[in-house]
Amino acid sequence: MALFPDWLIAFLGLLPSSVGPEYNPLPRSALLSSVVALLGVVFTDTAVRRLVKSGYFLSPFKYWLLGLAGLLPAWLITLWIIV
């Protein structure tokens, strides 16, 4: 959750500004960023569920770091494309 607002603001910068009724699909850069973010969330959720199922619990800070690792690649890709 820590990087989600940052990623969301950067992601909105990838979207084209459209005025009018014409259809504009998402650019590939926006699709790439959202796919990487979704895969990061799915991966970290799976990792946490496996840890809990095995009876191994981490400190809240380590869970935060795991969430950071899930969204950091998408945020960096978005920033790289914008810059």
C-alpha atoms as a PDB file:
ATOM      1  CA  MET A   1       0.000   0.000   0.000  1.00  0.00           C
ATOM      2  CA  ALA A   2       2.895   2.355   0.574  1.00  0.00           C
ATOM      3  CA  LEU A   3       3.761   2.841  -3.093  1.00  0.00           C
ATOM      4  CA  PHE A   4       0.256   2.542  -4.506  1.00  0.00           C
ATOM      5  CA  PRO A   5      -0.572   6.287  -4.453  1.00  0.00           C
ATOM      6  CA  ASP A   6       2.805   7.092  -6.008  1.00  0.00           C
ATOM      7  CA  TRP A   7       2.356   4.470  -8.703  1.00  0.00           C
ATOM      8  CA  LEU A   8      -1.223   5.582  -9.375  1.00  0.00           C
ATOM      9  CA  ILE A   9      -0.218   9.214  -9.899  1.00  0.00           C
ATOM     10  CA  ALA A  10       2.617   8.182 -12.213  1.00  0.00           C
ATOM     11  CA  PHE A  11       0.277   5.746 -14.030  1.00  0.00           C
ATOM     12  CA  LEU A  12      -2.228   8.537 -14.675  1.00  0.00           C
ATOM     13  CA  GLY A  13       0.608  10.424 -16.352  1.00  0.00           C
ATOM     14  CA  LEU A  14       0.846   7.599 -18.896  1.00  0.00           C
ATOM     15  CA  LEU A  15      -2.785   7.955 -19.934  1.00  0.00           C
ATOM     16  CA  PRO A  16      -3.508  10.172 -22.910  1.00  0.00           C
ATOM     17  CA  SER A  17      -5.710  13.179 -22.400  1.00  0.00           C
ATOM     18  CA  SER A  18      -8.745  12.642 -24.551  1.00  0.00           C
ATOM     19  CA  VAL A  19     -11.367  15.172 -25.383  1.00  0.00           C
ATOM     20  CA  GLY A  20     -14.149  13.971 -27.596  1.00  0.00           C
ATOM     21  CA  PRO A  21     -16.170  10.878 -28.364  1.00  0.00           C
ATOM     22  CA  GLU A  22     -13.449   8.968 -30.288  1.00  0.00           C
ATOM     23  CA  TYR A  23     -12.160   5.674 -28.938  1.00  0.00           C
ATOM     24  CA  ASN A  24      -8.590   5.745 -27.660  1.00  0.00           C
ATOM     25  CA  PRO A  25      -7.264   2.444 -26.341  1.00  0.00           C
ATOM     26  CA  LEU A  26      -4.747   2.408 -23.519  1.00  0.00           C
ATOM     27  CA  PRO A  27      -1.171   2.898 -24.651  1.00  0.00           C
ATOM     28  CA  ARG A  28       1.141  -0.103 -24.353  1.00  0.00           C
ATOM     29  CA  SER A  29       3.160   1.632 -21.651  1.00  0.00           C
ATOM     30  CA  ALA A  30       0.065   1.916 -19.432  1.00  0.00           C
ATOM     31  CA  LEU A  31      -0.809  -1.730 -20.067  1.00  0.00           C
ATOM     32  CA  LEU A  32       2.735  -2.838 -19.237  1.00  0.00           C
ATOM     33  CA  SER A  33       2.775  -0.893 -15.989  1.00  0.00           C
ATOM     34  CA  SER A  34      -0.622  -2.171 -14.862  1.00  0.00           C
ATOM     35  CA  VAL A  35       0.237  -5.790 -15.734  1.00  0.00           C
ATOM     36  CA  VAL A  36       3.486  -5.616 -13.764  1.00  0.00           C
ATOM     37  CA  ALA A  37       1.636  -4.060 -10.800  1.00  0.00           C
ATOM     38  CA  LEU A  38      -1.042  -6.748 -10.898  1.00  0.00           C
ATOM     39  CA  LEU A  39       1.517  -9.546 -11.123  1.00  0.00           C
ATOM     40  CA  GLY A  40       3.426  -8.037  -8.196  1.00  0.00           C
ATOM     41  CA  VAL A  41       0.289  -7.933  -6.073  1.00  0.00           C
ATOM     42  CA  VAL A  42      -0.657 -11.505  -6.989  1.00  0.00           C
ATOM     43  CA  PHE A  43       2.874 -12.761  -6.301  1.00  0.00           C
ATOM     44  CA  THR A  44       3.152 -11.098  -2.893  1.00  0.00           C
ATOM     45  CA  ASP A  45      -0.342 -12.209  -1.881  1.00  0.00           C
ATOM     46  CA  THR A  46       0.539 -15.787  -2.798  1.00  0.00           C
ATOM     47  CA  ALA A  47       3.786 -15.561  -0.849  1.00  0.00           C
ATOM     48  CA  VAL A  48       2.036 -14.233   2.262  1.00  0.00           C
ATOM     49  CA  ARG A  49      -0.674 -16.902   2.066  1.00  0.00           C
ATOM     50  CA  ARG A  50       1.957 -19.651   1.821  1.00  0.00           C
ATOM     51  CA  LEU A  51       3.858 -18.227   4.775  1.00  0.00           C
ATOM     52  CA  VAL A  52       0.722 -18.062   6.911  1.00  0.00           C
ATOM     53  CA  LYS A  53      -0.370 -21.546   5.825  1.00  0.00           C
ATOM     54  CA  SER A  54       2.993 -22.989   6.842  1.00  0.00           C
ATOM     55  CA  GLY A  55       2.675 -21.359  10.256  1.00  0.00           C
ATOM     56  CA  TYR A  56       5.500 -18.889   9.711  1.00  0.00           C
ATOM     57  CA  PHE A  57       4.686 -15.274  10.538  1.00  0.00           C
ATOM     58  CA  LEU A  58       6.779 -12.214   9.739  1.00  0.00           C
ATOM     59  CA  SER A  59       6.950  -8.885  11.491  1.00  0.00           C
ATOM     60  CA  PRO A  60       4.718  -6.128  10.084  1.00  0.00           C
ATOM     61  CA  PHE A  61       7.791  -4.343   8.725  1.00  0.00           C
ATOM     62  CA  LYS A  62       8.800  -7.426   6.718  1.00  0.00           C
ATOM     63  CA  TYR A  63       5.284  -7.692   5.310  1.00  0.00           C
ATOM     64  CA  TRP A  64       5.551  -4.021   4.359  1.00  0.00           C
ATOM     65  CA  LEU A  65       8.857  -4.734   2.603  1.00  0.00           C
ATOM     66  CA  LEU A  66       7.234  -7.631   0.744  1.00  0.00           C
ATOM     67  CA  GLY A  67       4.471  -5.304  -0.448  1.00  0.00           C
ATOM     68  CA  LEU A  68       7.073  -2.752  -1.448  1.00  0.00           C
ATOM     69  CA  ALA A  69       8.862  -5.387  -3.501  1.00  0.00           C
ATOM     70  CA  GLY A  70       5.573  -6.209  -5.236  1.00  0.00           C
ATOM     71  CA  LEU A  71       4.826  -2.675  -6.425  1.00  0.00           C
ATOM     72  CA  LEU A  72       8.312  -1.247  -6.837  1.00  0.00           C
ATOM     73  CA  PRO A  73       8.929  -2.749 -10.309  1.00  0.00           C
ATOM     74  CA  ALA A  74       5.686  -1.298 -11.693  1.00  0.00           C
ATOM     75  CA  TRP A  75       6.447   2.100 -10.195  1.00  0.00           C
ATOM     76  CA  LEU A  76       9.978   2.120 -11.609  1.00  0.00           C
ATOM     77  CA  ILE A  77       8.738   1.071 -15.069  1.00  0.00           C
ATOM     78  CA  THR A  78       6.172   3.853 -15.014  1.00  0.00           C
ATOM     79  CA  LEU A  79       8.736   6.440 -13.970  1.00  0.00           C
ATOM     80  CA  TRP A  80      11.178   5.186 -16.607  1.00  0.00           C
ATOM     81  CA  ILE A  81       8.562   5.568 -19.351  1.00  0.00           C
ATOM     82  CA  ILE A  82       7.487   9.036 -18.198  1.00  0.00           C
ATOM     83  CA  VAL A  83      11.014  10.373 -17.936  1.00  0.00           C
END
